[in-house]
Amino acid sequence: MLLHEERLEGVHPELVGVIKMGVELYGKDVAVLEGVRSREKQTQLVKDGHSKTLNGRHLMQKCGFGCAVDIAPIVDGQVSWHWPSYHKLAPFIKDAAETLGVPVEWGGDWKTFPDGPHWQLPWSEFP
């Protein structure tokens, strides 16, 4: 079950479709932590060291949508921040993306600044 689904408002519909299908395939509770983010919040996250860019995919893009979402598995009734939980969820989101033909990038695959909750549409295909 996808918890806090209302936080997907304003997120690109193709990414929303991937997340919803992936969570359904996963078969366990997952929380939407954040979809579209304000520029002020993005600035604060950079200042606090939680993000490295002021041009993040969570911001409303020229296409009229945010192109990123943060989700987290629920373990024992709580949001999990443990990497093994994200590694269990990620294959289901990737399978959904492949099935739907929507390219996605997982922050957990990033080498320099890994971000387990983060999923985004790539700049190259969704500028």
N, C-alpha and C. Protein backbone atom coordinates (compact mmCIF):
# COMPACT_ATOMS: atom_id res chain seq x y z
N MET A 1 0.84 -1.18 0.00
CA MET A 1 0.00 0.00 0.00
C MET A 1 0.89 1.25 0.00
N LEU A 2 0.50 2.22 -0.79
CA LEU A 2 1.23 3.47 -0.88
C LEU A 2 0.64 4.47 0.10
N LEU A 3 1.42 4.84 1.11
CA LEU A 3 0.98 5.77 2.14
C LEU A 3 1.35 7.20 1.76
N HIS A 4 0.50 8.14 2.10
CA HIS A 4 0.71 9.57 1.82
C HIS A 4 0.76 9.83 0.32
N GLU A 5 -0.11 9.14 -0.40
CA GLU A 5 -0.17 9.26 -1.86
C GLU A 5 -0.43 10.70 -2.31
N GLU A 6 -1.07 11.50 -1.48
CA GLU A 6 -1.35 12.89 -1.84
C GLU A 6 -0.07 13.69 -2.07
N ARG A 7 1.05 13.21 -1.55
CA ARG A 7 2.33 13.90 -1.75
C ARG A 7 2.87 13.73 -3.17
N LEU A 8 2.17 12.95 -3.97
CA LEU A 8 2.56 12.79 -5.38
C LEU A 8 1.94 13.87 -6.26
N GLU A 9 1.10 14.71 -5.67
CA GLU A 9 0.47 15.78 -6.45
C GLU A 9 1.54 16.68 -7.08
N GLY A 10 1.42 16.88 -8.38
CA GLY A 10 2.38 17.72 -9.11
C GLY A 10 3.58 16.96 -9.65
N VAL A 11 3.72 15.68 -9.30
CA VAL A 11 4.81 14.86 -9.82
C VAL A 11 4.41 14.36 -11.21
N HIS A 12 5.37 14.27 -12.10
CA HIS A 12 5.12 13.84 -13.48
C HIS A 12 4.34 12.53 -13.48
N PRO A 13 3.25 12.46 -14.25
CA PRO A 13 2.40 11.27 -14.24
C PRO A 13 3.12 9.96 -14.59
N GLU A 14 4.12 10.02 -15.43
CA GLU A 14 4.82 8.78 -15.77
C GLU A 14 5.61 8.25 -14.57
N LEU A 15 6.20 9.13 -13.79
CA LEU A 15 6.90 8.70 -12.59
C LEU A 15 5.92 8.19 -11.54
N VAL A 16 4.78 8.85 -11.42
CA VAL A 16 3.74 8.41 -10.49
C VAL A 16 3.31 6.99 -10.85
N GLY A 17 3.12 6.73 -12.13
CA GLY A 17 2.72 5.40 -12.57
C GLY A 17 3.75 4.34 -12.21
N VAL A 18 5.02 4.66 -12.37
CA VAL A 18 6.10 3.73 -12.01
C VAL A 18 6.08 3.44 -10.52
N ILE A 19 5.98 4.48 -9.71
CA ILE A 19 5.99 4.30 -8.26
C ILE A 19 4.80 3.46 -7.82
N LYS A 20 3.62 3.78 -8.32
CA LYS A 20 2.43 3.03 -7.91
C LYS A 20 2.53 1.56 -8.31
N MET A 21 2.96 1.28 -9.52
CA MET A 21 3.09 -0.11 -9.95
C MET A 21 4.18 -0.82 -9.16
N GLY A 22 5.30 -0.15 -8.94
CA GLY A 22 6.40 -0.76 -8.19
C GLY A 22 6.01 -1.12 -6.78
N VAL A 23 5.27 -0.25 -6.13
CA VAL A 23 4.82 -0.52 -4.76
C VAL A 23 3.83 -1.68 -4.76
N GLU A 24 2.97 -1.72 -5.76
CA GLU A 24 2.02 -2.83 -5.85
C GLU A 24 2.77 -4.16 -6.02
N LEU A 25 3.80 -4.16 -6.86
CA LEU A 25 4.60 -5.37 -7.05
C LEU A 25 5.35 -5.76 -5.77
N TYR A 26 5.83 -4.77 -5.06
CA TYR A 26 6.56 -4.97 -3.80
C TYR A 26 5.66 -5.64 -2.76
N GLY A 27 4.42 -5.21 -2.70
CA GLY A 27 3.43 -5.86 -1.84
C GLY A 27 3.51 -5.52 -0.36
N LYS A 28 4.27 -4.49 -0.03
CA LYS A 28 4.38 -4.05 1.36
C LYS A 28 4.16 -2.55 1.41
N ASP A 29 3.96 -2.01 2.60
CA ASP A 29 3.72 -0.58 2.74
C ASP A 29 4.96 0.24 2.40
N VAL A 30 4.71 1.33 1.68
CA VAL A 30 5.75 2.28 1.31
C VAL A 30 5.16 3.67 1.50
N ALA A 31 5.93 4.57 2.08
CA ALA A 31 5.48 5.94 2.29
C ALA A 31 6.09 6.88 1.26
N VAL A 32 5.27 7.79 0.74
CA VAL A 32 5.78 8.88 -0.07
C VAL A 32 6.26 9.94 0.92
N LEU A 33 7.54 10.21 0.90
CA LEU A 33 8.11 11.21 1.80
C LEU A 33 7.95 12.62 1.23
N GLU A 34 8.23 12.73 -0.08
CA GLU A 34 8.17 14.06 -0.70
C GLU A 34 8.11 13.93 -2.21
N GLY A 35 7.32 14.80 -2.80
CA GLY A 35 7.25 14.91 -4.25
C GLY A 35 7.81 16.25 -4.66
N VAL A 36 6.93 17.16 -5.06
CA VAL A 36 7.35 18.49 -5.46
C VAL A 36 7.82 19.27 -4.22
N ARG A 37 8.92 19.96 -4.41
CA ARG A 37 9.55 20.70 -3.31
C ARG A 37 9.67 22.18 -3.68
N SER A 38 9.52 23.05 -2.69
CA SER A 38 9.68 24.49 -2.94
C SER A 38 11.16 24.83 -3.09
N ARG A 39 11.41 25.93 -3.79
CA ARG A 39 12.78 26.41 -3.97
C ARG A 39 13.42 26.74 -2.61
N GLU A 40 12.61 27.26 -1.70
CA GLU A 40 13.12 27.61 -0.37
C GLU A 40 13.59 26.35 0.37
N LYS A 41 12.80 25.30 0.30
CA LYS A 41 13.19 24.06 0.97
C LYS A 41 14.44 23.48 0.32
N GLN A 42 14.52 23.54 -1.01
CA GLN A 42 15.71 23.03 -1.70
C GLN A 42 16.95 23.79 -1.27
N THR A 43 16.82 25.10 -1.15
CA THR A 43 17.94 25.93 -0.71
C THR A 43 18.39 25.53 0.69
N GLN A 44 17.44 25.30 1.58
CA GLN A 44 17.77 24.89 2.95
C GLN A 44 18.44 23.52 2.97
N LEU A 45 17.98 22.59 2.14
CA LEU A 45 18.57 21.25 2.09
C LEU A 45 20.02 21.31 1.61
N VAL A 46 20.31 22.18 0.66
CA VAL A 46 21.69 22.36 0.21
C VAL A 46 22.53 22.95 1.34
N LYS A 47 21.99 23.96 1.99
CA LYS A 47 22.69 24.61 3.10
C LYS A 47 23.01 23.61 4.21
N ASP A 48 22.06 22.69 4.48
CA ASP A 48 22.24 21.70 5.54
C ASP A 48 23.06 20.48 5.10
N GLY A 49 23.44 20.43 3.82
CA GLY A 49 24.25 19.32 3.32
C GLY A 49 23.45 18.09 2.93
N HIS A 50 22.12 18.21 2.82
CA HIS A 50 21.28 17.07 2.46
C HIS A 50 21.04 16.99 0.95
N SER A 51 21.46 18.00 0.23
CA SER A 51 21.37 18.01 -1.23
C SER A 51 22.57 18.76 -1.75
N LYS A 52 22.92 18.51 -3.00
CA LYS A 52 24.08 19.16 -3.59
C LYS A 52 23.73 20.13 -4.71
N THR A 53 22.44 20.29 -4.99
CA THR A 53 22.05 21.14 -6.11
C THR A 53 20.86 22.04 -5.78
N LEU A 54 20.88 23.21 -6.38
CA LEU A 54 19.73 24.11 -6.29
C LEU A 54 18.80 23.93 -7.49
N ASN A 55 19.15 23.00 -8.36
CA ASN A 55 18.36 22.74 -9.56
C ASN A 55 17.87 21.29 -9.54
N GLY A 56 17.36 20.84 -8.40
CA GLY A 56 16.95 19.45 -8.25
C GLY A 56 15.68 19.10 -8.99
N ARG A 57 15.50 17.81 -9.19
CA ARG A 57 14.34 17.30 -9.93
C ARG A 57 13.05 17.39 -9.12
N HIS A 58 13.15 17.62 -7.80
CA HIS A 58 11.94 17.80 -6.99
C HIS A 58 11.26 19.13 -7.27
N LEU A 59 12.01 20.08 -7.81
CA LEU A 59 11.44 21.39 -8.12
C LEU A 59 10.52 21.30 -9.33
N MET A 60 9.54 22.17 -9.39
CA MET A 60 8.65 22.22 -10.54
C MET A 60 9.49 22.54 -11.77
N GLN A 61 9.37 21.70 -12.80
CA GLN A 61 10.15 21.86 -14.02
C GLN A 61 9.36 22.66 -15.05
N LYS A 62 10.01 23.02 -16.14
CA LYS A 62 9.36 23.78 -17.20
C LYS A 62 8.16 23.03 -17.79
N CYS A 63 8.18 21.71 -17.69
CA CYS A 63 7.07 20.91 -18.22
C CYS A 63 5.82 21.02 -17.34
N GLY A 64 5.96 21.64 -16.17
CA GLY A 64 4.82 21.81 -15.28
C GLY A 64 4.69 20.75 -14.22
N PHE A 65 5.69 19.88 -14.10
CA PHE A 65 5.68 18.81 -13.10
C PHE A 65 7.01 18.75 -12.37
N GLY A 66 6.99 18.17 -11.18
CA GLY A 66 8.22 17.76 -10.52
C GLY A 66 8.61 16.41 -11.11
N CYS A 67 9.88 16.16 -11.19
CA CYS A 67 10.35 14.93 -11.84
C CYS A 67 11.10 14.03 -10.89
N ALA A 68 10.81 14.15 -9.59
CA ALA A 68 11.45 13.28 -8.59
C ALA A 68 10.48 13.03 -7.44
N VAL A 69 10.72 11.93 -6.77
CA VAL A 69 9.93 11.58 -5.59
C VAL A 69 10.82 10.82 -4.63
N ASP A 70 10.62 11.04 -3.35
CA ASP A 70 11.30 10.28 -2.31
C ASP A 70 10.28 9.35 -1.68
N ILE A 71 10.62 8.06 -1.63
CA ILE A 71 9.75 7.06 -1.01
C ILE A 71 10.58 6.23 -0.03
N ALA A 72 9.89 5.64 0.94
CA ALA A 72 10.59 4.83 1.93
C ALA A 72 9.75 3.62 2.30
N PRO A 73 10.40 2.46 2.41
CA PRO A 73 9.68 1.28 2.89
C PRO A 73 9.29 1.45 4.36
N ILE A 74 8.18 0.85 4.71
CA ILE A 74 7.72 0.84 6.10
C ILE A 74 8.10 -0.52 6.68
N VAL A 75 8.84 -0.50 7.76
CA VAL A 75 9.26 -1.72 8.45
C VAL A 75 8.83 -1.61 9.90
N ASP A 76 8.11 -2.59 10.36
CA ASP A 76 7.59 -2.58 11.74
C ASP A 76 6.81 -1.30 12.04
N GLY A 77 6.05 -0.84 11.06
CA GLY A 77 5.19 0.32 11.25
C GLY A 77 5.88 1.67 11.18
N GLN A 78 7.17 1.68 10.86
CA GLN A 78 7.94 2.93 10.82
C GLN A 78 8.66 3.08 9.48
N VAL A 79 8.90 4.32 9.08
CA VAL A 79 9.74 4.57 7.91
C VAL A 79 11.12 4.00 8.20
N SER A 80 11.63 3.21 7.26
CA SER A 80 12.97 2.64 7.43
C SER A 80 14.02 3.53 6.78
N TRP A 81 15.11 3.72 7.47
CA TRP A 81 16.25 4.47 6.93
C TRP A 81 17.44 3.53 6.71
N HIS A 82 17.20 2.23 6.79
CA HIS A 82 18.27 1.24 6.65
C HIS A 82 18.42 0.82 5.20
N TRP A 83 19.64 0.89 4.69
CA TRP A 83 19.90 0.59 3.28
C TRP A 83 19.36 -0.76 2.82
N PRO A 84 19.46 -1.83 3.60
CA PRO A 84 18.92 -3.11 3.11
C PRO A 84 17.44 -3.04 2.73
N SER A 85 16.67 -2.22 3.41
CA SER A 85 15.25 -2.06 3.08
C SER A 85 15.08 -1.45 1.69
N TYR A 86 15.93 -0.48 1.35
CA TYR A 86 15.85 0.17 0.05
C TYR A 86 16.30 -0.77 -1.06
N HIS A 87 17.29 -1.59 -0.76
CA HIS A 87 17.77 -2.56 -1.75
C HIS A 87 16.73 -3.64 -2.02
N LYS A 88 15.85 -3.90 -1.08
CA LYS A 88 14.75 -4.85 -1.30
C LYS A 88 13.64 -4.21 -2.16
N LEU A 89 13.38 -2.93 -1.95
CA LEU A 89 12.33 -2.22 -2.69
C LEU A 89 12.75 -1.87 -4.11
N ALA A 90 13.97 -1.46 -4.31
CA ALA A 90 14.44 -0.93 -5.59
C ALA A 90 14.16 -1.83 -6.80
N PRO A 91 14.38 -3.14 -6.72
CA PRO A 91 14.13 -3.96 -7.91
C PRO A 91 12.67 -3.91 -8.38
N PHE A 92 11.75 -3.73 -7.48
CA PHE A 92 10.33 -3.67 -7.86
C PHE A 92 10.02 -2.36 -8.60
N ILE A 93 10.63 -1.28 -8.16
CA ILE A 93 10.43 0.00 -8.84
C ILE A 93 11.08 -0.06 -10.22
N LYS A 94 12.26 -0.63 -10.30
CA LYS A 94 12.95 -0.76 -11.59
C LYS A 94 12.18 -1.68 -12.54
N ASP A 95 11.62 -2.76 -12.03
CA ASP A 95 10.81 -3.65 -12.86
C ASP A 95 9.58 -2.93 -13.40
N ALA A 96 8.94 -2.13 -12.55
CA ALA A 96 7.77 -1.36 -12.99
C ALA A 96 8.17 -0.37 -14.08
N ALA A 97 9.30 0.29 -13.90
CA ALA A 97 9.77 1.25 -14.90
C ALA A 97 10.01 0.55 -16.24
N GLU A 98 10.63 -0.61 -16.18
CA GLU A 98 10.89 -1.36 -17.42
C GLU A 98 9.57 -1.79 -18.07
N THR A 99 8.65 -2.30 -17.27
CA THR A 99 7.36 -2.74 -17.80
C THR A 99 6.62 -1.59 -18.47
N LEU A 100 6.66 -0.43 -17.86
CA LEU A 100 5.94 0.74 -18.39
C LEU A 100 6.73 1.49 -19.47
N GLY A 101 8.01 1.13 -19.63
CA GLY A 101 8.84 1.81 -20.62
C GLY A 101 9.21 3.23 -20.23
N VAL A 102 9.33 3.46 -18.92
CA VAL A 102 9.67 4.78 -18.41
C VAL A 102 11.07 4.72 -17.79
N PRO A 103 12.02 5.48 -18.32
CA PRO A 103 13.35 5.46 -17.71
C PRO A 103 13.33 6.16 -16.36
N VAL A 104 13.98 5.56 -15.39
CA VAL A 104 14.11 6.19 -14.07
C VAL A 104 15.54 6.04 -13.58
N GLU A 105 15.90 6.92 -12.67
CA GLU A 105 17.19 6.84 -12.00
C GLU A 105 16.92 6.71 -10.51
N TRP A 106 17.65 5.80 -9.87
CA TRP A 106 17.53 5.62 -8.42
C TRP A 106 18.73 6.25 -7.75
N GLY A 107 18.46 7.10 -6.77
CA GLY A 107 19.54 7.73 -6.02
C GLY A 107 20.43 6.72 -5.31
N GLY A 108 19.93 5.54 -5.04
CA GLY A 108 20.73 4.50 -4.40
C GLY A 108 21.83 3.96 -5.28
N ASP A 109 21.75 4.21 -6.60
CA ASP A 109 22.79 3.79 -7.53
C ASP A 109 23.88 4.84 -7.69
N TRP A 110 23.68 6.01 -7.14
CA TRP A 110 24.68 7.08 -7.29
C TRP A 110 25.90 6.75 -6.46
N LYS A 111 27.07 6.97 -7.03
CA LYS A 111 28.33 6.66 -6.34
C LYS A 111 28.79 7.77 -5.41
N THR A 112 28.60 9.02 -5.80
CA THR A 112 29.16 10.12 -5.01
C THR A 112 28.25 10.64 -3.91
N PHE A 113 26.95 10.48 -4.06
CA PHE A 113 26.01 11.00 -3.06
C PHE A 113 24.79 10.10 -3.04
N PRO A 114 24.94 8.82 -2.60
CA PRO A 114 23.80 7.89 -2.65
C PRO A 114 22.62 8.39 -1.83
N ASP A 115 21.42 8.17 -2.39
CA ASP A 115 20.19 8.67 -1.79
C ASP A 115 19.11 7.61 -1.96
N GLY A 116 18.98 6.73 -0.99
CA GLY A 116 18.09 5.58 -1.07
C GLY A 116 16.64 5.88 -1.35
N PRO A 117 16.05 6.92 -0.78
CA PRO A 117 14.64 7.20 -1.03
C PRO A 117 14.34 7.81 -2.41
N HIS A 118 15.36 8.33 -3.09
CA HIS A 118 15.17 9.20 -4.26
C HIS A 118 15.02 8.44 -5.58
N TRP A 119 13.95 8.79 -6.31
CA TRP A 119 13.70 8.30 -7.67
C TRP A 119 13.42 9.49 -8.55
N GLN A 120 14.00 9.51 -9.75
CA GLN A 120 13.76 10.64 -10.64
C GLN A 120 13.73 10.21 -12.10
N LEU A 121 13.09 11.04 -12.90
CA LEU A 121 13.16 10.90 -14.34
C LEU A 121 14.47 11.52 -14.80
N PRO A 122 15.19 10.90 -15.73
CA PRO A 122 16.49 11.43 -16.13
C PRO A 122 16.37 12.73 -16.93
N TRP A 123 17.33 13.63 -16.70
CA TRP A 123 17.38 14.89 -17.41
C TRP A 123 17.42 14.66 -18.91
N SER A 124 18.17 13.64 -19.34
CA SER A 124 18.37 13.41 -20.77
C SER A 124 17.07 13.14 -21.52
N GLU A 125 16.09 12.54 -20.85
CA GLU A 125 14.85 12.20 -21.52
C GLU A 125 13.66 13.04 -21.07
N PHE A 126 13.82 13.74 -19.96
CA PHE A 126 12.76 14.60 -19.43
C PHE A 126 13.37 15.94 -19.02
N PRO A 127 13.82 16.71 -20.04
CA PRO A 127 14.47 17.99 -19.71
C PRO A 127 13.46 18.98 -19.22
